[in-house]
């Protein structure tokens, strides 16, 4: 939509124009999502650890399958 005005920085989380998103914006939105979903008050980085834990459970502890 933005055409040449879009800045592709190859980011996972970015503003609508592709530019980096400030931490405070991510933290605010994450807090809103946690509250709405009734989730415990964890930090954003905890998602990485939770993801790995669930993948290990799904793969019955198989590290190679979890890593890939």
PDB file of N, CA and C in Angstrom:
ATOM      1  N   UNK A   1       0.810  -1.192   0.000  1.00  0.00           N
ATOM      2  CA  UNK A   1       0.000   0.000   0.000  1.00  0.00           C
ATOM      3  C   UNK A   1       0.859   1.263   0.000  1.00  0.00           C
ATOM      4  N   UNK A   2       1.946   1.250   0.762  1.00  0.00           N
ATOM      5  CA  UNK A   2       2.775   2.445   0.857  1.00  0.00           C
ATOM      6  C   UNK A   2       3.753   2.579  -0.299  1.00  0.00           C
ATOM      7  N   UNK A   3       3.919   1.512  -1.052  1.00  0.00           N
ATOM      8  CA  UNK A   3       4.822   1.550  -2.194  1.00  0.00           C
ATOM      9  C   UNK A   3       6.255   1.839  -1.787  1.00  0.00           C
ATOM     10  N   UNK A   4       6.851   2.828  -2.402  1.00  0.00           N
ATOM     11  CA  UNK A   4       8.255   3.154  -2.131  1.00  0.00           C
ATOM     12  C   UNK A   4       8.469   3.756  -0.750  1.00  0.00           C
ATOM     13  N   UNK A   5       7.409   4.195  -0.101  1.00  0.00           N
ATOM     14  CA  UNK A   5       7.525   4.775   1.247  1.00  0.00           C
ATOM     15  C   UNK A   5       7.720   3.694   2.313  1.00  0.00           C
ATOM     16  N   UNK A   6       7.398   2.439   1.971  1.00  0.00           N
ATOM     17  CA  UNK A   6       7.579   1.333   2.923  1.00  0.00           C
ATOM     18  C   UNK A   6       9.056   1.010   3.047  1.00  0.00           C
ATOM     19  N   UNK A   7       9.532   0.915   4.292  1.00  0.00           N
ATOM     20  CA  UNK A   7      10.937   0.598   4.567  1.00  0.00           C
ATOM     21  C   UNK A   7      11.028  -0.840   5.063  1.00  0.00           C
ATOM     22  N   UNK A   8      11.526  -1.725   4.241  1.00  0.00           N
ATOM     23  CA  UNK A   8      11.632  -3.137   4.621  1.00  0.00           C
ATOM     24  C   UNK A   8      12.945  -3.387   5.344  1.00  0.00           C
ATOM     25  N   UNK A   9      12.839  -3.577   6.664  1.00  0.00           N
ATOM     26  CA  UNK A   9      14.014  -3.857   7.492  1.00  0.00           C
ATOM     27  C   UNK A   9      14.058  -5.330   7.900  1.00  0.00           C
ATOM     28  N   UNK A  10      13.184  -6.146   7.294  1.00  0.00           N
ATOM     29  CA  UNK A  10      13.125  -7.578   7.581  1.00  0.00           C
ATOM     30  C   UNK A  10      12.880  -7.849   9.064  1.00  0.00           C
ATOM     31  N   UNK A  11      11.943  -7.119   9.652  1.00  0.00           N
ATOM     32  CA  UNK A  11      11.624  -7.241  11.070  1.00  0.00           C
ATOM     33  C   UNK A  11      10.405  -8.123  11.286  1.00  0.00           C
ATOM     34  N   UNK A  12      10.351  -8.779  12.435  1.00  0.00           N
ATOM     35  CA  UNK A  12       9.180  -9.574  12.806  1.00  0.00           C
ATOM     36  C   UNK A  12       8.078  -8.649  13.314  1.00  0.00           C
ATOM     37  N   UNK A  13       8.457  -7.655  14.117  1.00  0.00           N
ATOM     38  CA  UNK A  13       7.516  -6.674  14.646  1.00  0.00           C
ATOM     39  C   UNK A  13       7.941  -5.305  14.127  1.00  0.00           C
ATOM     40  N   UNK A  14       7.047  -4.646  13.411  1.00  0.00           N
ATOM     41  CA  UNK A  14       7.367  -3.342  12.829  1.00  0.00           C
ATOM     42  C   UNK A  14       6.121  -2.471  12.790  1.00  0.00           C
ATOM     43  N   UNK A  15       6.338  -1.191  12.584  1.00  0.00           N
ATOM     44  CA  UNK A  15       5.230  -0.271  12.372  1.00  0.00           C
ATOM     45  C   UNK A  15       4.632  -0.522  10.988  1.00  0.00           C
ATOM     46  N   UNK A  16       3.495   0.083  10.711  1.00  0.00           N
ATOM     47  CA  UNK A  16       2.831  -0.118   9.418  1.00  0.00           C
ATOM     48  C   UNK A  16       3.714   0.272   8.234  1.00  0.00           C
ATOM     49  N   UNK A  17       4.651   1.202   8.463  1.00  0.00           N
ATOM     50  CA  UNK A  17       5.518   1.639   7.373  1.00  0.00           C
ATOM     51  C   UNK A  17       6.809   0.825   7.288  1.00  0.00           C
ATOM     52  N   UNK A  18       6.926  -0.230   8.113  1.00  0.00           N
ATOM     53  CA  UNK A  18       8.082  -1.111   8.080  1.00  0.00           C
ATOM     54  C   UNK A  18       9.216  -0.718   9.012  1.00  0.00           C
ATOM     55  N   UNK A  19       9.123   0.448   9.594  1.00  0.00           N
ATOM     56  CA  UNK A  19      10.186   0.918  10.495  1.00  0.00           C
ATOM     57  C   UNK A  19      10.118   0.184  11.830  1.00  0.00           C
ATOM     58  N   UNK A  20      11.239   0.150  12.557  1.00  0.00           N
ATOM     59  CA  UNK A  20      11.260  -0.533  13.861  1.00  0.00           C
ATOM     60  C   UNK A  20      10.245   0.058  14.837  1.00  0.00           C
ATOM     61  N   UNK A  21       9.713  -0.804  15.668  1.00  0.00           N
ATOM     62  CA  UNK A  21       8.724  -0.430  16.672  1.00  0.00           C
ATOM     63  C   UNK A  21       9.425  -0.274  18.021  1.00  0.00           C
ATOM     64  N   UNK A  22       9.121   0.801  18.737  1.00  0.00           N
ATOM     65  CA  UNK A  22       9.742   1.023  20.041  1.00  0.00           C
ATOM     66  C   UNK A  22       9.257  -0.008  21.056  1.00  0.00           C
ATOM     67  N   UNK A  23      10.135  -0.351  21.985  1.00  0.00           N
ATOM     68  CA  UNK A  23       9.809  -1.347  23.017  1.00  0.00           C
ATOM     69  C   UNK A  23       8.551  -0.995  23.786  1.00  0.00           C
ATOM     70  N   UNK A  24       8.395   0.276  24.114  1.00  0.00           N
ATOM     71  CA  UNK A  24       7.244   0.682  24.937  1.00  0.00           C
ATOM     72  C   UNK A  24       5.923   0.385  24.231  1.00  0.00           C
ATOM     73  N   UNK A  25       5.902   0.490  22.911  1.00  0.00           N
ATOM     74  CA  UNK A  25       4.684   0.199  22.150  1.00  0.00           C
ATOM     75  C   UNK A  25       4.381  -1.294  22.203  1.00  0.00           C
ATOM     76  N   UNK A  26       5.409  -2.113  22.026  1.00  0.00           N
ATOM     77  CA  UNK A  26       5.245  -3.569  22.091  1.00  0.00           C
ATOM     78  C   UNK A  26       4.798  -3.982  23.484  1.00  0.00           C
ATOM     79  N   UNK A  27       5.445  -3.443  24.518  1.00  0.00           N
ATOM     80  CA  UNK A  27       5.103  -3.791  25.900  1.00  0.00           C
ATOM     81  C   UNK A  27       3.676  -3.393  26.244  1.00  0.00           C
ATOM     82  N   UNK A  28       3.239  -2.219  25.790  1.00  0.00           N
ATOM     83  CA  UNK A  28       1.875  -1.764  26.076  1.00  0.00           C
ATOM     84  C   UNK A  28       0.851  -2.702  25.432  1.00  0.00           C
ATOM     85  N   UNK A  29       1.062  -3.029  24.170  1.00  0.00           N
ATOM     86  CA  UNK A  29       0.125  -3.908  23.461  1.00  0.00           C
ATOM     87  C   UNK A  29       0.125  -5.316  24.054  1.00  0.00           C
ATOM     88  N   UNK A  30       1.308  -5.805  24.421  1.00  0.00           N
ATOM     89  CA  UNK A  30       1.414  -7.126  25.028  1.00  0.00           C
ATOM     90  C   UNK A  30       0.660  -7.159  26.351  1.00  0.00           C
ATOM     91  N   UNK A  31       0.776  -6.098  27.149  1.00  0.00           N
ATOM     92  CA  UNK A  31       0.045  -6.019  28.427  1.00  0.00           C
ATOM     93  C   UNK A  31      -1.457  -6.062  28.189  1.00  0.00           C
ATOM     94  N   UNK A  32      -1.921  -5.344  27.174  1.00  0.00           N
ATOM     95  CA  UNK A  32      -3.349  -5.343  26.848  1.00  0.00           C
ATOM     96  C   UNK A  32      -3.821  -6.734  26.445  1.00  0.00           C
ATOM     97  N   UNK A  33      -3.029  -7.409  25.624  1.00  0.00           N
ATOM     98  CA  UNK A  33      -3.397  -8.759  25.182  1.00  0.00           C
ATOM     99  C   UNK A  33      -3.421  -9.752  26.340  1.00  0.00           C
ATOM    100  N   UNK A  34      -2.435  -9.657  27.253  1.00  0.00           N
ATOM    101  CA  UNK A  34      -2.403 -10.554  28.418  1.00  0.00           C
ATOM    102  C   UNK A  34      -3.635 -10.353  29.279  1.00  0.00           C
ATOM    103  N   UNK A  35      -3.972  -9.091  29.526  1.00  0.00           N
ATOM    104  CA  UNK A  35      -5.132  -8.790  30.371  1.00  0.00           C
ATOM    105  C   UNK A  35      -6.419  -9.307  29.728  1.00  0.00           C
ATOM    106  N   UNK A  36      -6.576  -9.064  28.441  1.00  0.00           N
ATOM    107  CA  UNK A  36      -7.777  -9.503  27.727  1.00  0.00           C
ATOM    108  C   UNK A  36      -7.913 -11.020  27.739  1.00  0.00           C
ATOM    109  N   UNK A  37      -6.790 -11.720  27.616  1.00  0.00           N
ATOM    110  CA  UNK A  37      -6.808 -13.188  27.566  1.00  0.00           C
ATOM    111  C   UNK A  37      -6.760 -13.829  28.954  1.00  0.00           C
ATOM    112  N   UNK A  38      -6.574 -13.016  29.995  1.00  0.00           N
ATOM    113  CA  UNK A  38      -6.503 -13.556  31.352  1.00  0.00           C
ATOM    114  C   UNK A  38      -5.227 -14.332  31.613  1.00  0.00           C
ATOM    115  N   UNK A  39      -4.148 -13.931  30.958  1.00  0.00           N
ATOM    116  CA  UNK A  39      -2.866 -14.620  31.113  1.00  0.00           C
ATOM    117  C   UNK A  39      -2.057 -14.025  32.265  1.00  0.00           C
ATOM    118  N   UNK A  40      -1.113 -14.796  32.795  1.00  0.00           N
ATOM    119  CA  UNK A  40      -0.281 -14.270  33.888  1.00  0.00           C
ATOM    120  C   UNK A  40       0.603 -13.131  33.407  1.00  0.00           C
ATOM    121  N   UNK A  41       1.053 -12.328  34.353  1.00  0.00           N
ATOM    122  CA  UNK A  41       1.885 -11.167  34.030  1.00  0.00           C
ATOM    123  C   UNK A  41       3.333 -11.605  33.820  1.00  0.00           C
ATOM    124  N   UNK A  42       3.669 -11.948  32.583  1.00  0.00           N
ATOM    125  CA  UNK A  42       5.032 -12.350  32.227  1.00  0.00           C
ATOM    126  C   UNK A  42       5.599 -11.317  31.254  1.00  0.00           C
ATOM    127  N   UNK A  43       6.905 -11.309  31.101  1.00  0.00           N
ATOM    128  CA  UNK A  43       7.536 -10.392  30.153  1.00  0.00           C
ATOM    129  C   UNK A  43       7.492 -10.993  28.751  1.00  0.00           C
ATOM    130  N   UNK A  44       7.595 -10.147  27.740  1.00  0.00           N
ATOM    131  CA  UNK A  44       7.482 -10.564  26.346  1.00  0.00           C
ATOM    132  C   UNK A  44       8.472 -11.678  26.001  1.00  0.00           C
ATOM    133  N   UNK A  45       9.698 -11.569  26.508  1.00  0.00           N
ATOM    134  CA  UNK A  45      10.736 -12.560  26.213  1.00  0.00           C
ATOM    135  C   UNK A  45      10.355 -13.959  26.707  1.00  0.00           C
ATOM    136  N   UNK A  46       9.476 -14.034  27.697  1.00  0.00           N
ATOM    137  CA  UNK A  46       9.031 -15.328  28.219  1.00  0.00           C
ATOM    138  C   UNK A  46       8.355 -16.176  27.144  1.00  0.00           C
ATOM    139  N   UNK A  47       7.797 -15.528  26.136  1.00  0.00           N
ATOM    140  CA  UNK A  47       7.130 -16.277  25.072  1.00  0.00           C
ATOM    141  C   UNK A  47       8.091 -17.221  24.367  1.00  0.00           C
ATOM    142  N   UNK A  48       9.332 -16.800  24.237  1.00  0.00           N
ATOM    143  CA  UNK A  48      10.329 -17.640  23.582  1.00  0.00           C
ATOM    144  C   UNK A  48      10.528 -18.935  24.364  1.00  0.00           C
ATOM    145  N   UNK A  49      10.627 -18.810  25.677  1.00  0.00           N
ATOM    146  CA  UNK A  49      10.822 -19.983  26.522  1.00  0.00           C
ATOM    147  C   UNK A  49       9.577 -20.863  26.543  1.00  0.00           C
ATOM    148  N   UNK A  50       8.416 -20.226  26.606  1.00  0.00           N
ATOM    149  CA  UNK A  50       7.156 -20.984  26.607  1.00  0.00           C
ATOM    150  C   UNK A  50       7.004 -21.762  25.307  1.00  0.00           C
ATOM    151  N   UNK A  51       7.346 -21.130  24.205  1.00  0.00           N
ATOM    152  CA  UNK A  51       7.248 -21.778  22.901  1.00  0.00           C
ATOM    153  C   UNK A  51       8.106 -23.039  22.855  1.00  0.00           C
ATOM    154  N   UNK A  52       9.326 -22.936  23.337  1.00  0.00           N
ATOM    155  CA  UNK A  52      10.234 -24.086  23.333  1.00  0.00           C
ATOM    156  C   UNK A  52       9.707 -25.198  24.228  1.00  0.00           C
ATOM    157  N   UNK A  53       9.187 -24.836  25.390  1.00  0.00           N
ATOM    158  CA  UNK A  53       8.641 -25.829  26.319  1.00  0.00           C
ATOM    159  C   UNK A  53       7.494 -26.597  25.665  1.00  0.00           C
ATOM    160  N   UNK A  54       6.576 -25.878  25.023  1.00  0.00           N
ATOM    161  CA  UNK A  54       5.441 -26.537  24.381  1.00  0.00           C
ATOM    162  C   UNK A  54       5.882 -27.408  23.205  1.00  0.00           C
ATOM    163  N   UNK A  55       6.866 -26.941  22.447  1.00  0.00           N
ATOM    164  CA  UNK A  55       7.376 -27.749  21.333  1.00  0.00           C
ATOM    165  C   UNK A  55       8.013 -29.036  21.845  1.00  0.00           C
ATOM    166  N   UNK A  56       8.743 -28.949  22.951  1.00  0.00           N
ATOM    167  CA  UNK A  56       9.332 -30.154  23.538  1.00  0.00           C
ATOM    168  C   UNK A  56       8.248 -31.132  23.964  1.00  0.00           C
ATOM    169  N   UNK A  57       7.179 -30.617  24.562  1.00  0.00           N
ATOM    170  CA  UNK A  57       6.072 -31.486  24.973  1.00  0.00           C
ATOM    171  C   UNK A  57       5.435 -32.159  23.765  1.00  0.00           C
ATOM    172  N   UNK A  58       5.202 -31.374  22.712  1.00  0.00           N
ATOM    173  CA  UNK A  58       4.581 -31.926  21.505  1.00  0.00           C
ATOM    174  C   UNK A  58       5.463 -32.974  20.832  1.00  0.00           C
ATOM    175  N   UNK A  59       6.773 -32.792  20.937  1.00  0.00           N
ATOM    176  CA  UNK A  59       7.723 -33.708  20.309  1.00  0.00           C
ATOM    177  C   UNK A  59       8.244 -34.766  21.279  1.00  0.00           C
ATOM    178  N   UNK A  60       7.575 -34.914  22.414  1.00  0.00           N
ATOM    179  CA  UNK A  60       7.935 -35.924  23.409  1.00  0.00           C
ATOM    180  C   UNK A  60       9.407 -35.842  23.822  1.00  0.00           C
ATOM    181  N   UNK A  61       9.904 -34.606  23.970  1.00  0.00           N
ATOM    182  CA  UNK A  61      11.270 -34.400  24.441  1.00  0.00           C
ATOM    183  C   UNK A  61      12.337 -34.528  23.373  1.00  0.00           C
ATOM    184  N   UNK A  62      11.947 -34.688  22.115  1.00  0.00           N
ATOM    185  CA  UNK A  62      12.908 -34.836  21.029  1.00  0.00           C
ATOM    186  C   UNK A  62      13.515 -33.470  20.679  1.00  0.00           C
ATOM    187  N   UNK A  63      14.758 -33.231  21.127  1.00  0.00           N
ATOM    188  CA  UNK A  63      15.401 -31.934  20.914  1.00  0.00           C
ATOM    189  C   UNK A  63      15.612 -31.605  19.445  1.00  0.00           C
ATOM    190  N   UNK A  64      15.984 -32.615  18.650  1.00  0.00           N
ATOM    191  CA  UNK A  64      16.224 -32.375  17.219  1.00  0.00           C
ATOM    192  C   UNK A  64      14.939 -31.930  16.524  1.00  0.00           C
ATOM    193  N   UNK A  65      13.833 -32.551  16.833  1.00  0.00           N
ATOM    194  CA  UNK A  65      12.543 -32.172  16.222  1.00  0.00           C
ATOM    195  C   UNK A  65      12.108 -30.803  16.706  1.00  0.00           C
ATOM    196  N   UNK A  66      12.420 -30.465  17.947  1.00  0.00           N
ATOM    197  CA  UNK A  66      12.039 -29.173  18.508  1.00  0.00           C
ATOM    198  C   UNK A  66      12.874 -28.053  17.903  1.00  0.00           C
ATOM    199  N   UNK A  67      14.136 -28.318  17.680  1.00  0.00           N
ATOM    200  CA  UNK A  67      15.054 -27.301  17.158  1.00  0.00           C
ATOM    201  C   UNK A  67      14.685 -26.891  15.738  1.00  0.00           C
ATOM    202  N   UNK A  68      14.297 -27.823  14.925  1.00  0.00           N
ATOM    203  CA  UNK A  68      14.043 -27.579  13.505  1.00  0.00           C
ATOM    204  C   UNK A  68      12.805 -26.880  13.205  1.00  0.00           C
TER     205      UNK A  68
END
